[in-house]
Protein backbone atom coordinates (compact mmCIF):
# COMPACT_ATOMS: atom_id res chain seq x y z
CA MET A 1 114.23 178.16 88.39
CA PRO A 2 112.99 174.36 88.16
CA MET A 3 109.30 173.84 89.39
CA TYR A 4 109.02 170.95 91.47
CA TYR A 5 105.54 169.19 92.59
CA PHE A 6 104.76 167.93 95.94
CA HIS A 7 102.45 165.30 95.39
CA LEU A 8 100.21 163.14 98.35
CA TYR A 9 99.62 159.60 97.88
CA ASP A 10 97.74 157.56 100.07
CA ASP A 11 94.77 155.26 98.06
CA ALA A 12 94.88 158.09 95.23
CA PRO A 13 97.09 160.47 94.75
CA LEU A 14 96.35 164.70 95.92
CA ARG A 15 98.27 166.68 92.83
CA ASP A 16 100.20 169.36 93.28
CA ASP A 17 99.31 171.06 89.92
CA ASP A 18 100.81 174.49 90.58
CA GLY A 19 103.90 173.20 91.71
CA THR A 20 106.87 175.88 93.45
CA GLU A 21 109.79 176.89 91.85
CA LEU A 22 112.82 175.83 93.67
CA ILE A 23 116.79 176.88 92.87
CA ASN A 24 118.00 172.72 93.05
CA LEU A 25 117.23 169.69 94.57
CA ALA A 26 118.27 169.85 97.93
CA ALA A 27 115.99 172.99 97.99
CA ALA A 28 113.00 171.04 96.87
CA HIS A 29 114.10 168.23 99.68
CA ASP A 30 114.17 170.78 102.46
CA HIS A 31 110.56 171.91 101.02
CA ALA A 32 108.97 168.83 101.67
CA ALA A 33 110.25 168.26 104.63
CA GLY A 34 109.12 171.48 105.94
CA VAL A 35 105.74 170.80 104.65
CA ALA A 36 105.61 167.40 106.02
CA ARG A 37 106.10 169.36 109.35
CA GLU A 38 104.08 171.81 109.01
CA LEU A 39 101.26 169.33 107.65
CA THR A 40 101.42 166.54 110.48
CA PHE A 41 102.07 168.69 112.93
CA LYS A 42 98.51 170.53 112.21
CA SER A 43 96.60 167.30 112.44
CA ALA A 44 97.23 163.80 113.25
CA ASP A 45 95.84 162.41 110.23
CA PHE A 46 93.94 163.53 106.94
CA MET A 47 91.17 163.09 105.29
CA GLN A 48 90.09 160.33 108.36
CA GLU A 49 93.49 158.33 107.48
CA LYS A 50 96.68 158.91 110.25
CA TRP A 51 99.49 160.29 108.84
CA SER A 52 101.56 156.86 108.54
CA LYS A 53 99.64 155.72 105.72
CA TRP A 54 100.87 158.71 103.22
CA THR A 55 103.30 159.38 101.21
CA MET A 56 104.92 162.72 99.58
CA ARG A 57 106.63 162.10 96.08
CA VAL A 58 108.53 164.94 94.65
CA HIS A 59 108.73 165.25 90.96
CA ASP A 60 110.08 167.67 88.10
CA HIS A 61 108.38 169.46 85.21
CA GLU A 62 108.53 166.01 83.08
CA GLY A 63 107.01 164.24 85.72
CA THR A 64 109.94 162.58 86.54
CA GLU A 65 109.91 161.15 90.19
CA LEU A 66 112.87 162.58 92.24
CA PHE A 67 112.55 161.33 95.81
CA SER A 68 109.26 160.35 98.42
CA LEU A 69 109.21 160.83 102.19
CA ALA A 70 107.34 158.65 104.62
CA MET A 71 104.91 161.07 106.26
CA SER A 72 104.63 158.90 109.34
CA ASP A 73 108.54 160.33 109.44
CA PHE A 74 107.52 163.36 110.47
CA GLU A 75 104.46 162.57 112.93
CA PRO A 76 105.10 164.11 115.99
CA GLY A 77 106.79 162.48 118.27
CA ASN A 78 108.92 160.71 116.03
CA HIS A 79 112.55 161.38 114.55
CA ASN A 80 112.05 164.03 111.86
CA PRO A 81 114.78 163.71 109.39
């Protein structure tokens, strides 16, 4: 199964060096959305910055960016994709 890496970006990246093995890109997108929901539900900010300033970028094992999600889309009170 392919590996996917879920990096968080603000001014500097927080890299996911372990990655997650998932069956396909659709599963990676579902996983990213679930992680984003969980992170934003647990706190309004991260490292003293509002989630609205953060982006999750998902890469494959070669480092190619496959898609990104605005964390602000998953903040409580927003319509969650």
